[in-house]
Amino acid sequence: MKKSNGIDFIKKLAIYIVLLFLIISITFFAINFLVEPQIKKNIAVYENISPNYWNRYTEFLSNLFTFKSGKIYSQELASANMSILQIYFYQFKWTLLFTILIFTFSLIIGNLLGVWSAYKFEKTPDFIINLIIGLLSVIPLIIIAIIALSSSLFLGYPSQFIFNPGLSFISLLVPIFIMMFGCISLFHARSRKAVREILKSEYYLFATSLGFSKIKLFNKVILKQLVINQLQIIVPYYLLLFTTSLAIERIFSIPGQSVFISYIFSKGEINMITFYFTFSFFVIMIFKYINDIILDKINPQQISLRQKLIIKKARVVR
């Protein structure tokens, strides 16, 4: 069994590496094709790179396998004496702080409301929670952001990001609150459905018949299945949050990834663009891989299904 698990681990790792390489390669050529007009506008970039895409790709692979981020061509950035990696993380720290706070609060609140709704299914509390979350989630983020900006003067809260150690977090509270509406609705809907299905399952009804208390039933039966259920969507949900947060960053002048992306595309900084996507895909794949391993360890049904498939394949070979 241990040998089989080791082989599965290596196979999965190999698949992820190959998939990552293919995605990065396809993205590289797509980016070069789409950004070519901007490259030609920026003389500093155009005069220092090969017009041949394959030559650019060879240089890209050389930088990739030697762990180099590439050259910065624009004079205003090059004069800062910072590498692409340093510039990336300088901007990324604000986006990371912003999105992690939103994700954490939304995950906790959404699941608490979802569990409560499931226990009070089709009763008044369930109806009220669904109504409030539904109304808040259907309003477009842009409209909520505009309302927040226009009312900031009357209510006295910061309308833009304040780059000050004591006020930076306070100025993030409004955009965090705005972004939480949609995220909470996603987690609420998923946890409500998952817990409702567990409450109707034969396993839960059997555990109830044994005389377990509600707290013990929740800890022993519901909590683990709820964690598995949320882990299955944690990566795509965060990616969705990360993508939509870029627009809110621009509206509230948060110096995050939106500033970085806007600048490098406008200047045609091809090395910075390819680094951004390569590094992002690499991080996503790592988290997806770790997430899958955790799910394999805590989800016995998934492991059992894989073992059945292996047995069937072995029988076919025989």
Protein backbone atom coordinates (compact mmCIF):
# COMPACT_ATOMS: atom_id res chain seq x y z
CA MET A 1 0.00 0.00 0.00
CA LYS A 2 2.82 2.42 0.88
CA LYS A 3 4.57 1.65 -2.42
CA SER A 4 1.32 2.31 -4.29
CA ASN A 5 0.87 5.62 -2.47
CA GLY A 6 4.44 6.60 -3.34
CA ILE A 7 3.86 5.84 -7.03
CA ASP A 8 0.61 7.85 -6.98
CA PHE A 9 2.48 10.74 -5.39
CA ILE A 10 5.19 10.72 -8.07
CA LYS A 11 2.66 10.35 -10.90
CA LYS A 12 0.58 13.24 -9.63
CA LEU A 13 3.68 15.42 -9.21
CA ALA A 14 4.83 14.60 -12.76
CA ILE A 15 1.38 15.44 -14.17
CA TYR A 16 1.38 18.78 -12.38
CA ILE A 17 4.88 19.65 -13.65
CA VAL A 18 4.01 18.77 -17.26
CA LEU A 19 0.71 20.64 -17.03
CA LEU A 20 2.44 23.70 -15.56
CA PHE A 21 5.06 23.70 -18.33
CA LEU A 22 2.40 23.45 -21.06
CA ILE A 23 0.30 26.25 -19.54
CA ILE A 24 3.34 28.51 -19.18
CA SER A 25 4.49 27.83 -22.76
CA ILE A 26 1.06 28.48 -24.30
CA THR A 27 0.65 31.61 -22.18
CA PHE A 28 4.09 32.88 -23.24
CA PHE A 29 3.27 32.82 -26.96
CA ALA A 30 -0.22 34.24 -26.37
CA ILE A 31 1.20 37.13 -24.33
CA ASN A 32 3.89 37.92 -26.91
CA PHE A 33 1.31 38.01 -29.68
CA LEU A 34 -1.17 40.19 -27.76
CA VAL A 35 1.41 42.59 -26.30
CA GLU A 36 3.39 43.04 -29.54
CA PRO A 37 1.72 46.41 -30.36
CA GLN A 38 2.74 47.79 -26.94
CA ILE A 39 6.27 46.41 -27.32
CA LYS A 40 6.68 48.32 -30.61
CA LYS A 41 5.53 51.54 -28.91
CA ASN A 42 8.19 51.22 -26.19
CA ILE A 43 11.54 51.73 -27.93
CA ALA A 44 13.46 50.65 -24.81
CA VAL A 45 11.84 47.22 -25.05
CA TYR A 46 11.59 46.85 -28.83
CA GLU A 47 15.28 47.58 -29.49
CA ASN A 48 16.51 45.11 -26.86
CA ILE A 49 14.51 41.97 -27.67
CA SER A 50 14.51 39.63 -30.63
CA PRO A 51 11.64 40.02 -33.13
CA ASN A 52 11.54 36.21 -33.36
CA TYR A 53 9.17 34.58 -30.86
CA TRP A 54 11.19 31.36 -30.69
CA ASN A 55 14.34 33.29 -29.74
CA ARG A 56 12.35 35.02 -27.01
CA TYR A 57 11.03 31.65 -25.86
CA THR A 58 14.56 30.21 -25.68
CA GLU A 59 15.68 33.16 -23.56
CA PHE A 60 12.58 32.78 -21.40
CA LEU A 61 13.33 29.08 -20.77
CA SER A 62 16.95 29.93 -19.98
CA ASN A 63 15.82 32.44 -17.35
CA LEU A 64 13.22 30.00 -16.04
CA PHE A 65 15.63 27.10 -15.48
CA THR A 66 18.36 29.35 -14.06
CA PHE A 67 15.87 31.03 -11.69
CA LYS A 68 16.29 34.50 -13.21
CA SER A 69 13.37 36.91 -13.50
CA GLY A 70 14.70 38.65 -16.62
CA LYS A 71 15.71 42.17 -17.58
CA ILE A 72 13.75 45.38 -16.99
CA TYR A 73 13.85 47.63 -20.06
CA SER A 74 12.03 50.82 -19.00
CA GLN A 75 14.47 53.39 -17.61
CA GLU A 76 12.19 54.60 -14.78
CA LEU A 77 11.95 51.09 -13.33
CA ALA A 78 15.53 50.06 -14.07
CA SER A 79 16.81 53.14 -12.21
CA ALA A 80 15.16 51.87 -9.01
CA ASN A 81 17.79 49.09 -8.84
CA MET A 82 15.18 46.47 -8.04
CA SER A 83 14.71 43.09 -9.69
CA ILE A 84 11.40 42.01 -11.21
CA LEU A 85 10.91 39.67 -8.25
CA GLN A 86 11.43 42.51 -5.75
CA ILE A 87 9.00 44.81 -7.59
CA TYR A 88 6.45 41.99 -7.82
CA PHE A 89 6.50 41.28 -4.08
CA TYR A 90 6.53 44.97 -3.20
CA GLN A 91 3.15 45.33 -4.93
CA PHE A 92 1.90 41.83 -4.14
CA LYS A 93 2.04 42.26 -0.35
CA TRP A 94 -0.93 44.64 -0.40
CA THR A 95 -3.01 42.41 -2.66
CA LEU A 96 -2.15 39.40 -0.50
CA LEU A 97 -3.13 41.21 2.71
CA PHE A 98 -6.30 42.56 1.12
CA THR A 99 -7.51 39.25 -0.37
CA ILE A 100 -6.52 37.04 2.58
CA LEU A 101 -8.48 39.24 5.00
CA ILE A 102 -11.53 39.12 2.71
CA PHE A 103 -11.20 35.38 2.17
CA THR A 104 -10.74 34.57 5.87
CA PHE A 105 -13.66 36.69 7.10
CA SER A 106 -15.91 35.46 4.28
CA LEU A 107 -15.00 31.82 4.89
CA ILE A 108 -15.82 32.05 8.60
CA ILE A 109 -18.99 34.16 8.30
CA GLY A 110 -20.28 32.34 5.21
CA ASN A 111 -19.88 28.91 6.79
CA LEU A 112 -21.40 29.97 10.11
CA LEU A 113 -24.43 31.38 8.32
CA GLY A 114 -24.60 28.35 6.02
CA VAL A 115 -24.57 25.88 8.92
CA TRP A 116 -27.20 27.92 10.78
CA SER A 117 -29.40 28.07 7.65
CA ALA A 118 -29.10 24.31 7.17
CA TYR A 119 -30.21 23.63 10.75
CA LYS A 120 -33.09 26.11 10.33
CA PHE A 121 -33.91 24.99 6.78
CA GLU A 122 -37.08 26.63 5.36
CA LYS A 123 -37.74 28.37 8.68
CA THR A 124 -37.77 32.11 9.39
CA PRO A 125 -34.02 32.45 10.21
CA ASP A 126 -33.13 30.60 6.99
CA PHE A 127 -35.45 32.84 4.96
CA ILE A 128 -34.04 36.06 6.48
CA ILE A 129 -30.40 35.02 5.98
CA ASN A 130 -31.03 33.97 2.37
CA LEU A 131 -32.91 37.20 1.65
CA ILE A 132 -30.19 39.48 3.06
CA ILE A 133 -27.30 37.60 1.44
CA GLY A 134 -29.18 37.33 -1.84
CA LEU A 135 -29.93 41.07 -2.00
CA LEU A 136 -26.37 42.08 -1.15
CA SER A 137 -24.73 39.60 -3.54
CA VAL A 138 -26.77 40.58 -6.63
CA ILE A 139 -25.76 44.26 -6.45
CA PRO A 140 -22.74 44.79 -8.78
CA LEU A 141 -19.48 45.53 -6.97
CA ILE A 142 -18.89 48.67 -9.02
CA ILE A 143 -22.21 50.19 -7.89
CA ILE A 144 -21.48 49.38 -4.23
CA ALA A 145 -17.99 50.88 -4.61
CA ILE A 146 -19.37 54.09 -6.15
CA ILE A 147 -21.93 54.42 -3.34
CA ALA A 148 -19.16 53.87 -0.77
CA LEU A 149 -16.97 56.53 -2.40
CA SER A 150 -19.77 59.10 -2.61
CA SER A 151 -20.88 58.59 1.01
CA SER A 152 -17.37 58.63 2.52
CA LEU A 153 -17.41 62.42 2.95
CA PHE A 154 -20.64 62.35 4.97
CA LEU A 155 -19.81 59.28 7.07
CA GLY A 156 -16.17 60.23 7.66
CA TYR A 157 -14.31 57.10 6.54
CA PRO A 158 -11.33 57.04 4.10
CA SER A 159 -12.40 56.90 0.45
CA GLN A 160 -8.89 56.02 -0.77
CA PHE A 161 -5.97 53.95 0.48
CA ILE A 162 -3.79 55.82 2.99
CA PHE A 163 -0.11 54.91 2.91
CA ASN A 164 0.48 55.31 6.63
CA PRO A 165 1.41 52.62 9.21
CA GLY A 166 -1.45 53.64 11.49
CA LEU A 167 -4.11 54.20 8.84
CA SER A 168 -3.39 51.67 6.07
CA PHE A 169 -5.49 48.92 7.62
CA ILE A 170 -8.36 51.31 8.43
CA SER A 171 -8.46 52.51 4.81
CA LEU A 172 -8.75 48.86 3.69
CA LEU A 173 -11.85 48.16 5.79
CA VAL A 174 -14.40 49.63 3.36
CA PRO A 175 -13.12 47.77 0.24
CA ILE A 176 -12.83 44.59 2.33
CA PHE A 177 -16.43 44.99 3.49
CA ILE A 178 -17.60 45.56 -0.10
CA MET A 179 -15.78 42.48 -1.44
CA MET A 180 -17.10 40.28 1.36
CA PHE A 181 -20.72 40.40 0.13
CA GLY A 182 -20.18 38.14 -2.87
CA CYS A 183 -17.68 35.87 -1.11
CA ILE A 184 -19.96 35.26 1.86
CA SER A 185 -22.82 34.31 -0.47
CA LEU A 186 -20.63 31.69 -2.20
CA PHE A 187 -19.51 30.05 1.04
CA HIS A 188 -22.98 30.31 2.56
CA ALA A 189 -24.66 28.59 -0.40
CA ARG A 190 -22.13 25.76 -0.51
CA SER A 191 -22.01 25.08 3.25
CA ARG A 192 -25.81 25.30 3.55
CA LYS A 193 -26.26 22.69 0.82
CA ALA A 194 -23.51 20.42 2.19
CA VAL A 195 -24.76 20.47 5.78
CA ARG A 196 -28.35 19.98 4.65
CA GLU A 197 -27.33 16.83 2.74
CA ILE A 198 -25.44 15.53 5.78
CA LEU A 199 -28.42 16.13 8.07
CA LYS A 200 -30.59 14.03 5.76
CA SER A 201 -28.03 11.23 5.35
CA GLU A 202 -28.53 7.77 6.84
CA TYR A 203 -25.18 7.99 8.59
CA TYR A 204 -26.23 11.14 10.49
CA LEU A 205 -29.65 9.69 11.34
CA PHE A 206 -27.97 6.54 12.65
CA ALA A 207 -25.57 8.61 14.77
CA THR A 208 -28.56 10.56 16.11
CA SER A 209 -30.29 7.32 17.10
CA LEU A 210 -27.28 6.42 19.25
CA GLY A 211 -28.06 9.37 21.50
CA PHE A 212 -25.17 11.69 20.62
CA SER A 213 -25.60 15.36 21.56
CA LYS A 214 -25.87 18.00 18.82
CA ILE A 215 -22.39 19.30 19.62
CA LYS A 216 -20.88 15.82 19.40
CA LEU A 217 -22.78 15.12 16.17
CA PHE A 218 -21.46 18.35 14.69
CA ASN A 219 -17.86 17.65 15.70
CA LYS A 220 -17.88 13.97 14.70
CA VAL A 221 -20.06 13.99 11.57
CA ILE A 222 -20.65 17.42 10.10
CA LEU A 223 -17.40 19.31 10.69
CA LYS A 224 -15.11 16.92 8.80
CA GLN A 225 -17.43 16.69 5.78
CA LEU A 226 -17.81 20.47 5.78
CA VAL A 227 -14.02 20.93 5.76
CA ILE A 228 -13.71 18.48 2.85
CA ASN A 229 -16.49 20.28 1.01
CA GLN A 230 -14.79 23.67 1.39
CA LEU A 231 -11.31 22.39 0.51
CA GLN A 232 -12.66 21.18 -2.83
CA ILE A 233 -13.41 24.75 -3.92
CA ILE A 234 -10.92 26.82 -1.92
CA VAL A 235 -8.48 27.33 -4.83
CA PRO A 236 -11.01 28.39 -7.52
CA TYR A 237 -12.86 30.62 -5.02
CA TYR A 238 -9.64 32.41 -4.08
CA LEU A 239 -8.72 32.85 -7.75
CA LEU A 240 -12.14 34.38 -8.39
CA LEU A 241 -11.67 36.71 -5.42
CA PHE A 242 -8.14 37.63 -6.53
CA THR A 243 -9.34 38.51 -10.04
CA THR A 244 -12.27 40.67 -8.94
CA SER A 245 -10.14 42.39 -6.27
CA LEU A 246 -8.01 44.00 -9.00
CA ALA A 247 -10.91 46.27 -10.00
CA ILE A 248 -11.59 47.29 -6.38
CA GLU A 249 -7.87 48.02 -5.92
CA ARG A 250 -7.99 50.53 -8.75
CA ILE A 251 -11.15 52.22 -7.46
CA PHE A 252 -9.78 52.65 -3.92
CA SER A 253 -6.16 53.32 -5.05
CA ILE A 254 -4.76 50.29 -3.23
CA PRO A 255 -1.11 49.88 -4.39
CA GLY A 256 -1.43 46.18 -5.17
CA GLN A 257 -1.15 43.93 -8.21
CA SER A 258 -3.53 46.08 -10.28
CA VAL A 259 -0.91 48.86 -10.39
CA PHE A 260 1.81 46.37 -11.34
CA ILE A 261 -0.29 44.77 -14.11
CA SER A 262 -1.49 48.10 -15.51
CA TYR A 263 2.05 49.47 -15.72
CA ILE A 264 3.79 46.47 -17.28
CA PHE A 265 1.11 46.05 -19.96
CA SER A 266 1.11 49.75 -20.86
CA LYS A 267 4.92 49.71 -21.21
CA GLY A 268 5.09 46.37 -23.02
CA GLU A 269 7.54 45.02 -20.41
CA ILE A 270 7.45 41.49 -21.78
CA ASN A 271 9.81 39.99 -19.19
CA MET A 272 7.75 41.38 -16.32
CA ILE A 273 4.50 40.19 -17.90
CA THR A 274 5.75 36.64 -18.49
CA PHE A 275 7.23 36.55 -14.99
CA TYR A 276 3.91 37.63 -13.49
CA PHE A 277 1.96 34.85 -15.20
CA THR A 278 4.67 32.20 -14.74
CA PHE A 279 5.04 32.89 -11.03
CA SER A 280 1.27 33.08 -10.55
CA PHE A 281 0.69 29.74 -12.30
CA PHE A 282 3.52 28.19 -10.27
CA VAL A 283 1.99 29.33 -6.96
CA ILE A 284 -1.49 28.17 -8.03
CA MET A 285 -0.19 24.72 -8.97
CA ILE A 286 1.65 24.35 -5.66
CA PHE A 287 -1.44 25.22 -3.63
CA LYS A 288 -3.63 23.01 -5.82
CA TYR A 289 -1.20 20.11 -5.37
CA ILE A 290 -1.02 20.56 -1.58
CA ASN A 291 -4.80 20.91 -1.44
CA ASP A 292 -5.27 17.65 -3.37
CA ILE A 293 -2.88 15.81 -1.03
CA ILE A 294 -4.79 17.06 2.02
CA LEU A 295 -8.09 15.98 0.45
CA ASP A 296 -6.66 12.52 -0.26
CA LYS A 297 -5.63 12.17 3.38
CA ILE A 298 -8.85 13.29 5.02
CA ASN A 299 -11.40 12.10 2.46
CA PRO A 300 -11.78 8.30 2.78
CA GLN A 301 -14.39 8.15 0.01
CA GLN A 302 -11.97 9.66 -2.50
CA ILE A 303 -9.21 7.22 -1.51
CA SER A 304 -11.63 4.28 -1.65
CA LEU A 305 -12.77 5.30 -5.13
CA ARG A 306 -9.18 5.49 -6.36
CA GLN A 307 -8.41 2.03 -4.92
CA LYS A 308 -11.46 0.57 -6.69
CA LEU A 309 -10.32 2.05 -9.98
CA ILE A 310 -6.84 0.55 -9.50
CA ILE A 311 -8.37 -2.89 -8.80
CA LYS A 312 -10.56 -2.66 -11.92
CA LYS A 313 -7.56 -1.71 -14.05
CA ALA A 314 -5.58 -4.63 -12.64
CA ARG A 315 -8.41 -7.05 -13.51
CA VAL A 316 -8.60 -5.69 -17.06
CA VAL A 317 -4.85 -6.18 -17.52
CA ARG A 318 -5.12 -9.78 -16.31
